[in-house]
Structures are given as structure tokens and as C-alpha cells.
Amino acid sequence: MEKNVIYVTDDDPGIRELVAEYLTSQGYVVETAEDAASLDRLLAARLPDLLVLDWMMPGEDGLSIARRLRAQPGFPPIIMLSARGEDIDRIIGLEVGADDYLPKPFNPRELLARIRAVMRRQGGAAVPVAETARVGRFGPFSVNLDARTLTRDGAEIVLTSGEYELLEIFVTHANRALSRDWLMDQLRGFERDPFDRSIDVRVNRLRKKIEDDPANPAYIRTQRGQGYLFVPQGKG
């Protein structure tokens, strides 16, 4: 089986070496970059299966890099690293398109757990659309659960792996109130801060792509004191 390729971009050589050595021991192929320019050279050769990206770097910082790469349809998942551990920093990282966020200092085993969770959510390569494909529909949208694609009136809508996984959970648990804690458990699969509100950021990002009026959502509705409710029929 071909090994997954991970790029690690961090200006700290100690962190690059530590992460590369640990992930290599876990069966991954790891390439490292010290800044945006060296990362771009790696990306010109091939795309990784996942990018570990430091926020605070000289020159172009991680936020700018993530925002730029996310503009490319189909770019692999990104895990952001940062010494900035405040909630607002995690929210900003997710808003620019990161699939997960890990504050420094961190245990390499936790990074590995998050990598595995993100890659598990992403799944393998898209499979051809077939008559037997599992398809969910709501309003003008169609979600192919096998090909991992979302279309609106036949036009594909690009989602990050985190956005897609959240949508898949909603589609397969329609008309059920889902708590934030339960959603986070399904999406991340590891221990977290009980006050973590990053699920709200993910929901807001997804709403912007499927709701005509994200401030007054028809499909992903907020249930006060409970969490969220996905209503495929929208407002009627």
C-alpha cells in the first residue's frame, strides 16, 4: 500500500526534525519546509495527503499560506500549529480554511491522533459516480456520499474535508437535534477543551456555502440549548 505523504512547514528546525522523525516512525512519508518559498517548491512537485503548517513564520505567515492554498479546489487538509493558544486564534485558523488547530507546545502523539482523524474523515480518492452511489438531497443540492462531492443544480461546490464531514453527518442524521459535544466527538475523535466552540465556526463556514441567507438558515438550524438540527426540506 502506498504511504501517505505529509508536508511539515515550520521555521523551527527542532520542531521540523521532531515531527518528521516521529511521523516517519509511524509509517508516513514526510517532507519538511522552513518557509512559504520552500513549501511552494514541494507543492510544485506534488501535493501531499496532508499539510502541517505553522502559523507564525517569517515572511508569509501560516494564515496567509492557508488562505492562498484553500483557494485551490481540492487542496488537501491542513492542520495549523501555533504558539497562540487563545480561542480566538483557533477560530481564526479554522476560518481561513484549516481543518484542525493544535497549540504549541504539543505532544507528537496528539498531532498523530489529529492527523489520523483528519485523514480518516477525508477518506480515500473519490470514486466514480454509479447508479448504486449513496446520494443525499436537500433543496437544490445533491451530496454523493461515495464520491464525497456536493453539487447545486449540477454545479460542484468545493468544500474542505472538515466542511464535507460536517455536512455528511448532518445529511445522515437529518431531522435530529445534534449536540455540539456529539458533533465534536464525531468530527475529531480525541480529547478537547469542554469550552471549545470551534464547531460553531465550522457550521458557519458550511452555512455560507449552502444557505441563501446564512444569518437566517433554512437547512442547518440552531437549537437553543441543544445544538443543531439539519432540515433537508428547508423552510416551508
C-alpha atoms as a PDB file:
ATOM      1  CA  MET A   1       0.000   0.000   0.000  1.00  0.00           C
ATOM      2  CA  GLU A   2       1.316   3.445  -0.894  1.00  0.00           C
ATOM      3  CA  LYS A   3       2.268   5.504   2.139  1.00  0.00           C
ATOM      4  CA  ASN A   4       0.573   8.827   2.860  1.00  0.00           C
ATOM      5  CA  VAL A   5       2.711  11.907   2.273  1.00  0.00           C
ATOM      6  CA  ILE A   6       2.744  14.717   4.834  1.00  0.00           C
ATOM      7  CA  TYR A   7       4.427  18.105   4.449  1.00  0.00           C
ATOM      8  CA  VAL A   8       5.536  19.820   7.660  1.00  0.00           C
ATOM      9  CA  THR A   9       6.180  23.570   7.385  1.00  0.00           C
ATOM     10  CA  ASP A  10       7.713  25.289  10.429  1.00  0.00           C
ATOM     11  CA  ASP A  11      10.565  27.786  10.806  1.00  0.00           C
ATOM     12  CA  ASP A  12      11.787  25.969  13.935  1.00  0.00           C
ATOM     13  CA  PRO A  13      14.266  23.256  12.817  1.00  0.00           C
ATOM     14  CA  GLY A  14      13.836  21.415  16.113  1.00  0.00           C
ATOM     15  CA  ILE A  15      10.090  21.039  15.598  1.00  0.00           C
ATOM     16  CA  ARG A  16      10.560  20.028  11.957  1.00  0.00           C
ATOM     17  CA  GLU A  17      13.024  17.332  12.955  1.00  0.00           C
ATOM     18  CA  LEU A  18      10.936  16.077  15.878  1.00  0.00           C
ATOM     19  CA  VAL A  19       7.695  15.874  13.895  1.00  0.00           C
ATOM     20  CA  ALA A  20       9.352  14.395  10.807  1.00  0.00           C
ATOM     21  CA  GLU A  21      11.142  11.709  12.816  1.00  0.00           C
ATOM     22  CA  TYR A  22       8.028  10.752  14.760  1.00  0.00           C
ATOM     23  CA  LEU A  23       5.659  10.666  11.782  1.00  0.00           C
ATOM     24  CA  THR A  24       8.190   8.702   9.723  1.00  0.00           C
ATOM     25  CA  SER A  25       8.333   6.121  12.519  1.00  0.00           C
ATOM     26  CA  GLN A  26       4.549   5.852  12.233  1.00  0.00           C
ATOM     27  CA  GLY A  27       4.706   4.940   8.553  1.00  0.00           C
ATOM     28  CA  TYR A  28       4.278   8.292   6.818  1.00  0.00           C
ATOM     29  CA  VAL A  29       6.460   9.825   4.136  1.00  0.00           C
ATOM     30  CA  VAL A  30       7.421  13.264   5.473  1.00  0.00           C
ATOM     31  CA  GLU A  31       8.897  16.273   3.676  1.00  0.00           C
ATOM     32  CA  THR A  32       9.745  19.462   5.565  1.00  0.00           C
ATOM     33  CA  ALA A  33       9.846  23.137   4.637  1.00  0.00           C
ATOM     34  CA  GLU A  34      11.133  26.113   6.598  1.00  0.00           C
ATOM     35  CA  ASP A  35       9.043  28.811   4.949  1.00  0.00           C
ATOM     36  CA  ALA A  36       6.478  29.554   2.243  1.00  0.00           C
ATOM     37  CA  ALA A  37       9.034  29.531  -0.574  1.00  0.00           C
ATOM     38  CA  SER A  38      10.363  26.069   0.285  1.00  0.00           C
ATOM     39  CA  LEU A  39       6.814  24.782   0.737  1.00  0.00           C
ATOM     40  CA  ASP A  40       5.846  26.094  -2.690  1.00  0.00           C
ATOM     41  CA  ARG A  41       8.766  24.180  -4.207  1.00  0.00           C
ATOM     42  CA  LEU A  42       7.464  20.976  -2.624  1.00  0.00           C
ATOM     43  CA  LEU A  43       3.929  21.691  -3.817  1.00  0.00           C
ATOM     44  CA  ALA A  44       5.164  22.283  -7.366  1.00  0.00           C
ATOM     45  CA  ALA A  45       6.477  18.716  -7.390  1.00  0.00           C
ATOM     46  CA  ARG A  46       3.397  17.064  -5.888  1.00  0.00           C
ATOM     47  CA  LEU A  47       0.543  17.642  -3.467  1.00  0.00           C
ATOM     48  CA  PRO A  48       0.725  15.933  -0.073  1.00  0.00           C
ATOM     49  CA  ASP A  49      -2.076  13.987   1.554  1.00  0.00           C
ATOM     50  CA  LEU A  50      -1.971  16.458   4.452  1.00  0.00           C
ATOM     51  CA  LEU A  51      -0.142  19.673   5.362  1.00  0.00           C
ATOM     52  CA  VAL A  52       1.039  20.524   8.895  1.00  0.00           C
ATOM     53  CA  LEU A  53       1.506  24.306   8.871  1.00  0.00           C
ATOM     54  CA  ASP A  54       2.932  26.663  11.484  1.00  0.00           C
ATOM     55  CA  TRP A  55       1.116  29.966  11.962  1.00  0.00           C
ATOM     56  CA  MET A  56       3.962  32.285  12.992  1.00  0.00           C
ATOM     57  CA  MET A  57       6.761  32.219  10.418  1.00  0.00           C
ATOM     58  CA  PRO A  58       8.941  34.972   8.935  1.00  0.00           C
ATOM     59  CA  GLY A  59       7.829  36.265   5.558  1.00  0.00           C
ATOM     60  CA  GLU A  60       4.451  34.869   4.540  1.00  0.00           C
ATOM     61  CA  ASP A  61       2.800  33.514   7.679  1.00  0.00           C
ATOM     62  CA  GLY A  62       0.732  30.365   8.031  1.00  0.00           C
ATOM     63  CA  LEU A  63      -2.616  32.152   7.867  1.00  0.00           C
ATOM     64  CA  SER A  64      -1.740  33.737   4.539  1.00  0.00           C
ATOM     65  CA  ILE A  65      -0.427  30.425   3.204  1.00  0.00           C
ATOM     66  CA  ALA A  66      -3.563  28.558   4.296  1.00  0.00           C
ATOM     67  CA  ARG A  67      -5.823  31.183   2.754  1.00  0.00           C
ATOM     68  CA  ARG A  68      -3.885  31.047  -0.523  1.00  0.00           C
ATOM     69  CA  LEU A  69      -3.838  27.257  -0.713  1.00  0.00           C
ATOM     70  CA  ARG A  70      -7.503  26.939   0.209  1.00  0.00           C
ATOM     71  CA  ALA A  71      -8.334  28.961  -2.909  1.00  0.00           C
ATOM     72  CA  GLN A  72      -7.128  25.962  -4.922  1.00  0.00           C
ATOM     73  CA  PRO A  73     -10.011  23.483  -5.409  1.00  0.00           C
ATOM     74  CA  GLY A  74      -9.313  20.085  -3.917  1.00  0.00           C
ATOM     75  CA  PHE A  75      -6.318  21.134  -1.812  1.00  0.00           C
ATOM     76  CA  PRO A  76      -5.546  18.517   0.880  1.00  0.00           C
ATOM     77  CA  PRO A  77      -6.431  19.041   4.558  1.00  0.00           C
ATOM     78  CA  ILE A  78      -4.394  21.432   6.698  1.00  0.00           C
ATOM     79  CA  ILE A  79      -3.557  21.176  10.403  1.00  0.00           C
ATOM     80  CA  MET A  80      -2.406  24.515  11.817  1.00  0.00           C
ATOM     81  CA  LEU A  81       0.223  24.746  14.577  1.00  0.00           C
ATOM     82  CA  SER A  82       0.652  27.847  16.697  1.00  0.00           C
ATOM     83  CA  ALA A  83       2.103  29.105  19.952  1.00  0.00           C
ATOM     84  CA  ARG A  84      -1.009  31.297  20.075  1.00  0.00           C
ATOM     85  CA  GLY A  85      -3.414  29.164  22.093  1.00  0.00           C
ATOM     86  CA  GLU A  86      -6.330  31.519  22.660  1.00  0.00           C
ATOM     87  CA  ASP A  87      -9.809  30.541  21.445  1.00  0.00           C
ATOM     88  CA  ILE A  88      -9.904  33.461  19.024  1.00  0.00           C
ATOM     89  CA  ASP A  89      -6.678  32.250  17.394  1.00  0.00           C
ATOM     90  CA  ARG A  90      -8.115  28.768  16.893  1.00  0.00           C
ATOM     91  CA  ILE A  91     -11.254  30.277  15.416  1.00  0.00           C
ATOM     92  CA  ILE A  92      -9.250  32.453  13.022  1.00  0.00           C
ATOM     93  CA  GLY A  93      -7.231  29.429  11.921  1.00  0.00           C
ATOM     94  CA  LEU A  94     -10.383  27.462  11.167  1.00  0.00           C
ATOM     95  CA  GLU A  95     -11.996  30.398   9.396  1.00  0.00           C
ATOM     96  CA  VAL A  96      -9.154  30.696   6.886  1.00  0.00           C
ATOM     97  CA  GLY A  97      -9.607  27.048   5.972  1.00  0.00           C
ATOM     98  CA  ALA A  98      -7.576  24.891   8.368  1.00  0.00           C
ATOM     99  CA  ASP A  99      -9.192  21.535   9.115  1.00  0.00           C
ATOM    100  CA  ASP A 100      -7.784  21.418  12.643  1.00  0.00           C
ATOM    101  CA  TYR A 101      -5.669  23.511  15.004  1.00  0.00           C
ATOM    102  CA  LEU A 102      -3.087  22.413  17.572  1.00  0.00           C
ATOM    103  CA  PRO A 103      -1.497  24.864  20.036  1.00  0.00           C
ATOM    104  CA  LYS A 104       2.198  24.671  20.901  1.00  0.00           C
ATOM    105  CA  PRO A 105       3.776  23.051  22.786  1.00  0.00           C
ATOM    106  CA  PHE A 106       2.156  19.786  21.788  1.00  0.00           C
ATOM    107  CA  ASN A 107       2.684  16.070  22.245  1.00  0.00           C
ATOM    108  CA  PRO A 108       3.599  14.390  18.930  1.00  0.00           C
ATOM    109  CA  ARG A 109       1.161  11.614  19.802  1.00  0.00           C
ATOM    110  CA  GLU A 110      -1.689  14.139  19.864  1.00  0.00           C
ATOM    111  CA  LEU A 111      -0.603  15.507  16.496  1.00  0.00           C
ATOM    112  CA  LEU A 112      -0.614  11.943  15.165  1.00  0.00           C
ATOM    113  CA  ALA A 113      -4.130  11.391  16.547  1.00  0.00           C
ATOM    114  CA  ARG A 114      -5.366  14.538  14.846  1.00  0.00           C
ATOM    115  CA  ILE A 115      -3.669  13.632  11.571  1.00  0.00           C
ATOM    116  CA  ARG A 116      -5.316  10.222  11.624  1.00  0.00           C
ATOM    117  CA  ALA A 117      -8.700  11.731  12.459  1.00  0.00           C
ATOM    118  CA  VAL A 118      -8.497  14.311   9.658  1.00  0.00           C
ATOM    119  CA  MET A 119      -7.296  11.761   7.106  1.00  0.00           C
ATOM    120  CA  ARG A 120      -9.961   9.285   8.201  1.00  0.00           C
ATOM    121  CA  ARG A 121     -12.586  11.955   7.658  1.00  0.00           C
ATOM    122  CA  GLN A 122     -11.165  12.791   4.274  1.00  0.00           C
ATOM    123  CA  GLY A 123     -11.252   9.156   3.155  1.00  0.00           C
ATOM    124  CA  GLY A 124      -9.645   7.841   0.023  1.00  0.00           C
ATOM    125  CA  ALA A 125      -9.760   9.050  -3.540  1.00  0.00           C
ATOM    126  CA  ALA A 126     -13.119   9.951  -4.976  1.00  0.00           C
ATOM    127  CA  VAL A 127     -14.885   7.010  -6.609  1.00  0.00           C
ATOM    128  CA  PRO A 128     -16.786   7.209  -9.870  1.00  0.00           C
ATOM    129  CA  VAL A 129     -20.447   8.082  -9.666  1.00  0.00           C
ATOM    130  CA  ALA A 130     -22.524   4.966 -10.137  1.00  0.00           C
ATOM    131  CA  GLU A 131     -26.176   4.094 -10.044  1.00  0.00           C
ATOM    132  CA  THR A 132     -25.602   2.493  -6.640  1.00  0.00           C
ATOM    133  CA  ALA A 133     -23.900   5.567  -5.152  1.00  0.00           C
ATOM    134  CA  ARG A 134     -25.297   6.797  -1.867  1.00  0.00           C
ATOM    135  CA  VAL A 135     -26.811  10.184  -2.588  1.00  0.00           C
ATOM    136  CA  GLY A 136     -28.457  12.636  -0.210  1.00  0.00           C
ATOM    137  CA  ARG A 137     -30.567  15.522  -1.473  1.00  0.00           C
ATOM    138  CA  PHE A 138     -31.824  18.724   0.101  1.00  0.00           C
ATOM    139  CA  GLY A 139     -33.245  21.725  -1.721  1.00  0.00           C
ATOM    140  CA  PRO A 140     -31.259  22.204  -4.957  1.00  0.00           C
ATOM    141  CA  PHE A 141     -28.287  20.291  -3.504  1.00  0.00           C
ATOM    142  CA  SER A 142     -27.078  16.741  -4.050  1.00  0.00           C
ATOM    143  CA  VAL A 143     -24.462  15.070  -1.833  1.00  0.00           C
ATOM    144  CA  ASN A 144     -22.732  11.974  -3.198  1.00  0.00           C
ATOM    145  CA  LEU A 145     -21.562  10.191  -0.063  1.00  0.00           C
ATOM    146  CA  ASP A 146     -19.315   7.841  -2.018  1.00  0.00           C
ATOM    147  CA  ALA A 147     -17.655  10.391  -4.309  1.00  0.00           C
ATOM    148  CA  ARG A 148     -17.638  12.942  -1.463  1.00  0.00           C
ATOM    149  CA  THR A 149     -18.998  15.719  -3.647  1.00  0.00           C
ATOM    150  CA  LEU A 150     -21.632  18.417  -3.234  1.00  0.00           C
ATOM    151  CA  THR A 151     -23.432  19.929  -6.208  1.00  0.00           C
ATOM    152  CA  ARG A 152     -26.091  22.591  -6.572  1.00  0.00           C
ATOM    153  CA  ASP A 153     -28.216  22.279  -9.694  1.00  0.00           C
ATOM    154  CA  GLY A 154     -25.407  20.210 -11.202  1.00  0.00           C
ATOM    155  CA  ALA A 155     -22.578  22.657 -10.395  1.00  0.00           C
ATOM    156  CA  GLU A 156     -19.991  21.375  -7.924  1.00  0.00           C
ATOM    157  CA  ILE A 157     -19.397  23.306  -4.692  1.00  0.00           C
ATOM    158  CA  VAL A 158     -15.895  22.997  -3.279  1.00  0.00           C
ATOM    159  CA  LEU A 159     -15.755  22.010   0.400  1.00  0.00           C
ATOM    160  CA  THR A 160     -12.809  21.438   2.710  1.00  0.00           C
ATOM    161  CA  SER A 161     -12.588  17.939   4.168  1.00  0.00           C
ATOM    162  CA  GLY A 162     -13.809  19.311   7.515  1.00  0.00           C
ATOM    163  CA  GLU A 163     -16.801  21.023   5.905  1.00  0.00           C
ATOM    164  CA  TYR A 164     -17.678  17.899   3.955  1.00  0.00           C
ATOM    165  CA  GLU A 165     -17.502  15.661   7.025  1.00  0.00           C
ATOM    166  CA  LEU A 166     -19.801  18.001   8.929  1.00  0.00           C
ATOM    167  CA  LEU A 167     -22.268  18.041   6.045  1.00  0.00           C
ATOM    168  CA  GLU A 168     -22.182  14.244   5.795  1.00  0.00           C
ATOM    169  CA  ILE A 169     -23.039  13.961   9.483  1.00  0.00           C
ATOM    170  CA  PHE A 170     -25.964  16.348   9.063  1.00  0.00           C
ATOM    171  CA  VAL A 171     -27.259  14.567   5.950  1.00  0.00           C
ATOM    172  CA  THR A 172     -27.093  11.117   7.578  1.00  0.00           C
ATOM    173  CA  HIS A 173     -28.683  12.386  10.809  1.00  0.00           C
ATOM    174  CA  ALA A 174     -31.373  14.623   9.343  1.00  0.00           C
ATOM    175  CA  ASN A 175     -34.224  15.980  11.476  1.00  0.00           C
ATOM    176  CA  ARG A 176     -32.407  15.108  14.713  1.00  0.00           C
ATOM    177  CA  ALA A 177     -31.106  17.615  17.229  1.00  0.00           C
ATOM    178  CA  LEU A 178     -27.337  17.066  17.448  1.00  0.00           C
ATOM    179  CA  SER A 179     -25.417  18.476  20.402  1.00  0.00           C
ATOM    180  CA  ARG A 180     -22.172  20.347  19.929  1.00  0.00           C
ATOM    181  CA  ASP A 181     -20.346  17.804  22.097  1.00  0.00           C
ATOM    182  CA  TRP A 182     -21.619  14.897  19.992  1.00  0.00           C
ATOM    183  CA  LEU A 183     -20.674  16.638  16.759  1.00  0.00           C
ATOM    184  CA  MET A 184     -17.166  17.357  18.041  1.00  0.00           C
ATOM    185  CA  ASP A 185     -16.757  13.717  19.057  1.00  0.00           C
ATOM    186  CA  GLN A 186     -17.771  12.596  15.569  1.00  0.00           C
ATOM    187  CA  LEU A 187     -15.531  15.099  13.825  1.00  0.00           C
ATOM    188  CA  ARG A 188     -12.388  14.951  15.882  1.00  0.00           C
ATOM    189  CA  GLY A 189     -12.243  11.760  17.896  1.00  0.00           C
ATOM    190  CA  PHE A 190      -9.827  12.954  20.591  1.00  0.00           C
ATOM    191  CA  GLU A 191      -9.861  14.815  23.894  1.00  0.00           C
ATOM    192  CA  ARG A 192     -10.661  18.504  23.714  1.00  0.00           C
ATOM    193  CA  ASP A 193     -11.404  21.544  25.811  1.00  0.00           C
ATOM    194  CA  PRO A 194     -15.007  21.327  27.038  1.00  0.00           C
ATOM    195  CA  PHE A 195     -15.410  25.025  26.176  1.00  0.00           C
ATOM    196  CA  ASP A 196     -14.187  24.533  22.607  1.00  0.00           C
ATOM    197  CA  ARG A 197     -16.588  26.365  20.291  1.00  0.00           C
ATOM    198  CA  SER A 198     -14.798  25.620  17.032  1.00  0.00           C
ATOM    199  CA  ILE A 199     -17.788  23.519  15.916  1.00  0.00           C
ATOM    200  CA  ASP A 200     -19.717  26.786  15.600  1.00  0.00           C
ATOM    201  CA  VAL A 201     -17.025  28.115  13.269  1.00  0.00           C
ATOM    202  CA  ARG A 202     -17.303  25.005  11.097  1.00  0.00           C
ATOM    203  CA  VAL A 203     -21.079  25.302  10.988  1.00  0.00           C
ATOM    204  CA  ASN A 204     -20.841  28.972   9.984  1.00  0.00           C
ATOM    205  CA  ARG A 205     -18.386  28.120   7.203  1.00  0.00           C
ATOM    206  CA  LEU A 206     -20.697  25.428   5.871  1.00  0.00           C
ATOM    207  CA  ARG A 207     -23.737  27.687   6.094  1.00  0.00           C
ATOM    208  CA  LYS A 208     -22.004  30.246   3.896  1.00  0.00           C
ATOM    209  CA  LYS A 209     -21.778  27.616   1.157  1.00  0.00           C
ATOM    210  CA  ILE A 210     -25.275  26.132   1.296  1.00  0.00           C
ATOM    211  CA  GLU A 211     -27.572  28.758   2.771  1.00  0.00           C
ATOM    212  CA  ASP A 212     -29.048  31.593   0.705  1.00  0.00           C
ATOM    213  CA  ASP A 213     -29.129  33.629   3.908  1.00  0.00           C
ATOM    214  CA  PRO A 214     -26.568  32.249   6.405  1.00  0.00           C
ATOM    215  CA  ALA A 215     -27.898  34.555   9.132  1.00  0.00           C
ATOM    216  CA  ASN A 216     -31.359  33.024   8.713  1.00  0.00           C
ATOM    217  CA  PRO A 217     -30.564  29.412   7.791  1.00  0.00           C
ATOM    218  CA  ALA A 218     -33.110  27.123   6.185  1.00  0.00           C
ATOM    219  CA  TYR A 219     -31.185  23.844   6.455  1.00  0.00           C
ATOM    220  CA  ILE A 220     -28.780  23.987   9.410  1.00  0.00           C
ATOM    221  CA  ARG A 221     -30.812  25.444  12.237  1.00  0.00           C
ATOM    222  CA  THR A 222     -29.595  26.323  15.708  1.00  0.00           C
ATOM    223  CA  GLN A 223     -31.469  24.577  18.521  1.00  0.00           C
ATOM    224  CA  ARG A 224     -31.060  26.650  21.641  1.00  0.00           C
ATOM    225  CA  GLY A 225     -29.660  24.607  24.484  1.00  0.00           C
ATOM    226  CA  GLN A 226     -29.336  21.546  22.250  1.00  0.00           C
ATOM    227  CA  GLY A 227     -27.058  22.193  19.281  1.00  0.00           C
ATOM    228  CA  TYR A 228     -28.007  21.975  15.633  1.00  0.00           C
ATOM    229  CA  LEU A 229     -30.803  20.479  13.554  1.00  0.00           C
ATOM    230  CA  PHE A 230     -30.441  19.673   9.850  1.00  0.00           C
ATOM    231  CA  VAL A 231     -33.745  20.033   7.973  1.00  0.00           C
ATOM    232  CA  PRO A 232     -33.458  18.723   4.378  1.00  0.00           C
ATOM    233  CA  GLN A 233     -36.785  20.184   3.302  1.00  0.00           C
ATOM    234  CA  GLY A 234     -35.668  23.673   4.302  1.00  0.00           C
ATOM    235  CA  LYS A 235     -38.286  26.218   5.241  1.00  0.00           C
ATOM    236  CA  GLY A 236     -41.731  25.538   4.036  1.00  0.00           C
END
